Amino acid sequence: MRALRIDRFGGPEVVAVGELPAPEPSPDEVLVRVVASSLNPVDVKTRSGTIRGGVPALPMTLGWDLAGVVVSPGDSGLNVGERVIAMSAQLAAARGTWADLVALPARTLAAAPLNTSLVEAATLPLPGLIAAQTLEWLGISSGQRLLVTGAAGAVGGLAVQLARARGITVDALVSRPAQLEAVTDLGAQRAVTDIAELDRQHYDAVFDTCGAPAGETVSDGGRYATIASEHGDPPDLSHRGVTTTLHQVREDGTGLAELVKLVETGDLRLRLDSSFPIAEVRKAFERFETRGLTGKVALVF
């Protein structure tokens, strides 16, 4: 089978299509034929060797997201041919999804949305889970105020929508004026490009996706979560009673199923910028690393 692999760190040129034996799933795993995946910032950092912490041994298969069809269901109760999505924690599990066939624990899978293509569905797993899990940690509820930084990105855009669906008032920080309309269209009440325009100690919680210096915007006793690990640890705001965390995503098929319901009801919109066949993976990386995208880049198998 084909797989997108790296045997050294570097730019898009180090990613190549290679041949691997098909995986042999255990009874508690499901063998999935991959139709599409998508690129995430962690893939760029892994490819370039700039990820914080350890990485699986080289050579490795990249990829976290997956949308495809069941080939062998094992003991999962799924049906052959069923459309599914999943997220694999590639760094921890050494199990990349950029391959024709992937064996995953049944607990990581969810049925794909009925109202999207599998290419669109492949944009949901990692950003959707990290957005939902971070909002859960923030513990914010209807009527409270949330700031999302980097709100035009994949995670930020989903976080805005998920928070608005819960009745939370959301403001957004973006990097350029062209993104302002996009994030207000997703549900942000207010969007700015300059953090100085935001009131100090105004928000019950801050969800930072890009390493913005937003610590002064959270209220005393609030919560502050960042997923921008490349910028280091979150600010120490303990002197104001603010709890902070650097949040890491976890595999969760049940959580994915909840997100799929929101996609199917129209409460969560998936944004696809472009798609590339795997033979053009280098072009896909080049597109993904273009600044200012408001949709995801997908790989099609």
Protein backbone atom coordinates (compact mmCIF):
# COMPACT_ATOMS: atom_id res chain seq x y z
CA MET A 1 0.00 0.00 0.00
CA ARG A 2 1.00 3.64 -0.41
CA ALA A 3 1.98 5.85 2.52
CA LEU A 4 3.34 9.38 2.87
CA ARG A 5 6.61 9.05 4.75
CA ILE A 6 9.66 10.99 5.85
CA ASP A 7 13.12 9.56 6.50
CA ARG A 8 14.69 12.90 7.46
CA PHE A 9 13.52 16.31 8.64
CA GLY A 10 13.18 19.33 6.37
CA GLY A 11 10.84 21.11 3.98
CA PRO A 12 8.01 19.70 1.84
CA GLU A 13 10.59 17.96 -0.34
CA VAL A 14 11.31 15.34 2.36
CA VAL A 15 7.77 13.90 2.16
CA ALA A 16 7.51 11.06 -0.34
CA VAL A 17 5.05 8.38 -1.37
CA GLY A 18 6.44 5.01 -0.31
CA GLU A 19 5.25 1.41 -0.19
CA LEU A 20 4.46 -0.42 3.05
CA PRO A 21 2.84 -3.77 3.87
CA ALA A 22 -0.85 -3.48 4.72
CA PRO A 23 -1.47 -3.41 8.48
CA GLU A 24 -2.90 -6.48 10.21
CA PRO A 25 -5.50 -5.23 12.71
CA SER A 26 -6.05 -6.84 16.08
CA PRO A 27 -9.63 -7.78 17.10
CA ASP A 28 -10.18 -4.44 18.85
CA GLU A 29 -8.99 -2.48 15.82
CA VAL A 30 -10.79 -1.45 12.64
CA LEU A 31 -9.08 -1.49 9.26
CA VAL A 32 -10.04 1.60 7.29
CA ARG A 33 -9.39 2.43 3.66
CA VAL A 34 -8.45 6.08 3.73
CA VAL A 35 -10.23 8.35 1.26
CA ALA A 36 -8.90 11.67 2.58
CA SER A 37 -6.89 13.29 5.33
CA SER A 38 -5.89 16.87 6.04
CA LEU A 39 -2.86 18.90 7.03
CA ASN A 40 -2.41 20.34 10.50
CA PRO A 41 0.30 22.53 12.03
CA VAL A 42 1.63 19.52 13.94
CA ASP A 43 2.41 17.84 10.58
CA VAL A 44 4.57 20.79 9.55
CA LYS A 45 6.39 20.81 12.89
CA THR A 46 6.93 17.06 12.79
CA ARG A 47 8.16 17.15 9.20
CA SER A 48 10.58 19.98 9.94
CA GLY A 49 11.83 18.49 13.22
CA THR A 50 10.71 21.46 15.31
CA ILE A 51 8.08 19.69 17.40
CA ARG A 52 8.39 20.03 21.17
CA GLY A 53 9.13 16.71 22.82
CA GLY A 54 9.98 13.41 21.19
CA VAL A 55 8.87 12.04 17.85
CA PRO A 56 8.56 8.46 16.58
CA ALA A 57 11.66 6.94 15.05
CA LEU A 58 12.42 7.69 11.41
CA PRO A 59 11.26 6.74 8.89
CA MET A 60 7.67 7.55 9.86
CA THR A 61 4.24 7.90 8.31
CA LEU A 62 2.73 11.32 8.93
CA GLY A 63 -0.89 12.32 9.51
CA TRP A 64 -3.46 12.66 12.29
CA ASP A 65 -6.83 13.01 10.52
CA LEU A 66 -8.69 10.34 8.59
CA ALA A 67 -11.92 9.92 6.64
CA GLY A 68 -12.60 6.66 4.86
CA VAL A 69 -14.57 3.42 4.71
CA VAL A 70 -14.41 0.32 6.88
CA VAL A 71 -12.61 -2.65 5.27
CA SER A 72 -12.49 -4.97 8.29
CA PRO A 73 -14.57 -4.05 11.37
CA GLY A 74 -13.04 -6.49 13.88
CA ASP A 75 -15.15 -6.61 17.05
CA SER A 76 -16.35 -3.01 16.66
CA GLY A 77 -19.89 -3.68 15.45
CA LEU A 78 -19.30 -1.43 12.45
CA ASN A 79 -20.22 -2.61 8.95
CA VAL A 80 -17.92 -3.14 6.00
CA GLY A 81 -18.22 -0.10 3.75
CA GLU A 82 -19.38 2.22 6.54
CA ARG A 83 -18.08 5.78 6.25
CA VAL A 84 -16.02 6.80 9.27
CA ILE A 85 -13.72 9.50 10.57
CA ALA A 86 -11.02 9.35 13.22
CA MET A 87 -8.04 11.08 14.76
CA SER A 88 -4.86 9.17 15.54
CA ALA A 89 -2.39 10.67 18.01
CA GLN A 90 0.44 10.15 15.55
CA LEU A 91 3.29 11.30 17.78
CA ALA A 92 2.33 9.23 20.80
CA ALA A 93 1.02 6.16 18.99
CA ALA A 94 3.49 6.19 16.06
CA ARG A 95 0.45 5.52 13.88
CA GLY A 96 0.15 7.97 11.02
CA THR A 97 -3.01 8.22 8.92
CA TRP A 98 -1.46 9.21 5.58
CA ALA A 99 -1.71 5.73 4.08
CA ASP A 100 -4.10 3.75 1.92
CA LEU A 101 -5.01 1.49 4.84
CA VAL A 102 -4.89 2.33 8.56
CA ALA A 103 -5.72 0.11 11.54
CA LEU A 104 -7.14 2.12 14.45
CA PRO A 105 -8.67 1.26 17.82
CA ALA A 106 -12.45 1.16 17.50
CA ARG A 107 -12.75 3.72 20.32
CA THR A 108 -11.19 6.40 18.07
CA LEU A 109 -13.78 6.11 15.28
CA ALA A 110 -17.08 7.84 14.60
CA ALA A 111 -19.52 7.67 11.73
CA ALA A 112 -18.78 10.37 9.14
CA PRO A 113 -21.28 13.22 8.69
CA LEU A 114 -24.09 12.31 6.30
CA ASN A 115 -24.21 15.78 4.77
CA THR A 116 -20.56 16.18 3.73
CA SER A 117 -18.12 14.50 1.42
CA LEU A 118 -15.36 12.43 2.98
CA VAL A 119 -12.86 15.05 1.81
CA GLU A 120 -14.71 17.69 3.82
CA ALA A 121 -15.16 15.30 6.75
CA ALA A 122 -11.40 14.77 6.89
CA THR A 123 -10.98 18.39 8.02
CA LEU A 124 -12.87 17.81 11.29
CA PRO A 125 -11.13 15.31 13.60
CA LEU A 126 -8.03 16.96 15.09
CA PRO A 127 -9.15 20.61 15.06
CA GLY A 128 -12.67 19.69 16.14
CA LEU A 129 -11.51 17.57 19.05
CA ILE A 130 -8.95 20.05 20.32
CA ALA A 131 -11.50 22.88 20.08
CA ALA A 132 -14.16 20.91 21.95
CA GLN A 133 -11.79 19.51 24.58
CA THR A 134 -10.22 22.90 25.28
CA LEU A 135 -13.63 24.55 25.66
CA GLU A 136 -14.58 21.77 28.07
CA TRP A 137 -11.46 22.51 30.15
CA LEU A 138 -12.23 26.22 30.12
CA GLY A 139 -15.58 25.41 31.70
CA ILE A 140 -17.31 28.37 30.11
CA SER A 141 -21.10 28.46 29.78
CA SER A 142 -24.00 30.43 28.34
CA GLY A 143 -23.87 34.15 29.06
CA GLN A 144 -20.14 34.26 29.72
CA ARG A 145 -17.49 35.98 27.59
CA LEU A 146 -14.78 34.18 25.62
CA LEU A 147 -11.85 35.49 23.58
CA VAL A 148 -10.53 33.25 20.80
CA THR A 149 -7.16 34.24 19.33
CA GLY A 150 -6.25 33.06 15.86
CA ALA A 151 -9.98 32.70 15.30
CA ALA A 152 -9.73 32.44 11.51
CA GLY A 153 -7.68 29.24 11.71
CA ALA A 154 -9.05 25.71 11.70
CA VAL A 155 -9.19 25.27 15.49
CA GLY A 156 -10.14 28.88 16.18
CA GLY A 157 -12.98 28.88 13.68
CA LEU A 158 -14.47 25.71 15.14
CA ALA A 159 -14.05 27.04 18.68
CA VAL A 160 -15.99 30.19 17.76
CA GLN A 161 -18.85 28.12 16.36
CA LEU A 162 -18.93 25.65 19.25
CA ALA A 163 -18.94 28.44 21.82
CA ARG A 164 -21.69 30.37 20.05
CA ALA A 165 -23.80 27.20 19.87
CA ARG A 166 -23.59 27.12 23.69
CA GLY A 167 -24.79 30.70 24.06
CA ILE A 168 -21.35 32.11 24.88
CA THR A 169 -20.45 35.63 23.76
CA VAL A 170 -17.34 35.29 21.60
CA ASP A 171 -14.84 37.93 20.53
CA ALA A 172 -12.09 37.12 18.07
CA LEU A 173 -8.52 38.17 17.43
CA VAL A 174 -7.23 37.60 13.88
CA SER A 175 -4.00 38.44 12.10
CA ARG A 176 -5.27 40.46 9.14
CA PRO A 177 -8.24 42.64 8.13
CA ALA A 178 -9.32 40.22 5.39
CA GLN A 179 -10.23 37.69 8.09
CA LEU A 180 -12.55 39.94 10.09
CA GLU A 181 -15.67 39.22 8.07
CA ALA A 182 -14.96 35.49 8.03
CA VAL A 183 -14.92 35.15 11.82
CA THR A 184 -17.96 37.36 12.40
CA ASP A 185 -19.75 35.17 9.87
CA LEU A 186 -18.85 32.18 12.06
CA GLY A 187 -20.48 33.83 15.07
CA ALA A 188 -17.95 36.15 16.69
CA GLN A 189 -19.68 39.22 18.14
CA ARG A 190 -16.57 41.35 17.66
CA ALA A 191 -13.37 40.79 15.70
CA VAL A 192 -10.14 42.80 15.82
CA THR A 193 -6.62 42.58 14.44
CA ASP A 194 -4.96 44.55 17.25
CA ILE A 195 -5.03 43.10 20.75
CA ALA A 196 -4.73 46.64 22.13
CA GLU A 197 -8.34 47.21 21.03
CA LEU A 198 -9.57 44.63 23.56
CA ASP A 199 -10.49 45.57 27.13
CA ARG A 200 -8.20 44.43 29.93
CA GLN A 201 -9.53 41.74 32.28
CA HIS A 202 -12.79 41.54 30.31
CA TYR A 203 -13.13 37.84 29.45
CA ASP A 204 -14.16 34.92 31.63
CA ALA A 205 -11.88 32.71 29.54
CA VAL A 206 -9.31 32.96 26.76
CA PHE A 207 -8.72 30.27 24.13
CA ASP A 208 -5.36 31.02 22.51
CA THR A 209 -4.57 29.13 19.30
CA CYS A 210 -1.62 31.18 18.03
CA GLY A 211 0.58 32.29 20.92
CA ALA A 212 -0.90 35.78 21.17
CA PRO A 213 0.01 37.81 24.29
CA ALA A 214 -3.57 37.80 25.57
CA GLY A 215 -3.02 37.22 29.28
CA GLU A 216 -4.14 40.69 30.30
CA THR A 217 -7.55 40.24 28.67
CA VAL A 218 -8.75 37.49 31.04
CA SER A 219 -10.60 38.45 34.21
CA ASP A 220 -9.27 37.73 37.69
CA GLY A 221 -10.18 34.16 38.61
CA GLY A 222 -10.72 33.21 34.97
CA ARG A 223 -9.20 30.50 32.82
CA TYR A 224 -6.62 30.68 30.04
CA ALA A 225 -5.83 27.82 27.65
CA THR A 226 -3.32 27.79 24.83
CA ILE A 227 -2.61 25.13 22.21
CA ALA A 228 0.34 27.02 20.70
CA SER A 229 3.03 24.73 22.10
CA GLU A 230 5.71 26.20 19.84
CA HIS A 231 5.45 29.44 21.83
CA GLY A 232 6.28 27.73 25.11
CA ASP A 233 4.26 27.46 28.30
CA PRO A 234 1.22 29.68 28.96
CA PRO A 235 1.73 32.88 30.93
CA ASP A 236 1.83 32.61 34.71
CA LEU A 237 -1.29 34.49 35.84
CA SER A 238 -1.59 32.85 39.24
CA HIS A 239 -1.15 36.21 40.98
CA ARG A 240 -4.61 37.09 39.65
CA GLY A 241 -6.14 33.71 40.38
CA VAL A 242 -6.18 32.73 36.70
CA THR A 243 -5.75 29.02 35.96
CA THR A 244 -3.75 28.31 32.81
CA THR A 245 -2.93 25.26 30.73
CA LEU A 246 -1.13 24.14 27.60
CA HIS A 247 -3.78 21.82 26.21
CA GLN A 248 -2.98 18.65 24.28
CA VAL A 249 -5.57 16.84 22.17
CA ARG A 250 -6.59 13.26 22.97
CA GLU A 251 -8.21 10.54 20.84
CA ASP A 252 -11.96 10.36 21.43
CA GLY A 253 -14.43 8.68 19.09
CA THR A 254 -17.38 9.60 21.34
CA GLY A 255 -16.39 13.26 21.22
CA LEU A 256 -16.09 13.06 17.44
CA ALA A 257 -19.61 11.64 17.22
CA GLU A 258 -20.92 14.68 19.12
CA LEU A 259 -19.16 16.98 16.67
CA VAL A 260 -20.63 15.06 13.73
CA LYS A 261 -24.13 15.70 15.10
CA LEU A 262 -23.42 19.45 15.07
CA VAL A 263 -22.18 19.25 11.48
CA GLU A 264 -25.33 17.43 10.45
CA THR A 265 -27.62 19.98 12.16
CA GLY A 266 -25.74 22.89 10.57
CA ASP A 267 -24.45 24.24 13.88
CA LEU A 268 -20.85 23.50 12.86
CA ARG A 269 -19.55 24.46 9.44
CA LEU A 270 -16.51 22.77 7.90
CA ARG A 271 -14.24 24.96 5.78
CA LEU A 272 -12.21 23.39 2.98
CA ASP A 273 -9.70 25.61 1.21
CA SER A 274 -8.34 23.09 -1.30
CA SER A 275 -7.53 19.43 -1.88
CA PHE A 276 -4.59 17.67 -3.51
CA PRO A 277 -3.93 14.08 -4.59
CA ILE A 278 -1.21 12.49 -2.48
CA ALA A 279 1.19 12.61 -5.43
CA GLU A 280 1.07 16.40 -4.98
CA VAL A 281 1.72 16.37 -1.23
CA ARG A 282 4.50 18.93 -1.59
CA LYS A 283 2.11 21.36 -3.27
CA ALA A 284 -0.36 20.67 -0.47
CA PHE A 285 2.24 21.64 2.14
CA GLU A 286 3.15 24.77 0.19
CA ARG A 287 -0.52 25.77 0.05
CA PHE A 288 -1.04 24.96 3.73
CA GLU A 289 1.91 27.12 4.75
CA THR A 290 0.48 30.12 2.89
CA ARG A 291 -0.49 32.70 5.50
CA GLY A 292 -4.08 33.81 5.82
CA LEU A 293 -6.01 30.69 4.78
CA THR A 294 -9.52 30.44 6.23
CA GLY A 295 -10.06 26.80 5.26
CA LYS A 296 -8.20 23.50 5.54
CA VAL A 297 -6.03 21.74 3.00
CA ALA A 298 -6.94 18.11 2.33
CA LEU A 299 -5.07 15.15 0.86
CA VAL A 300 -7.02 12.72 -1.32
CA PHE A 301 -6.00 9.06 -1.63
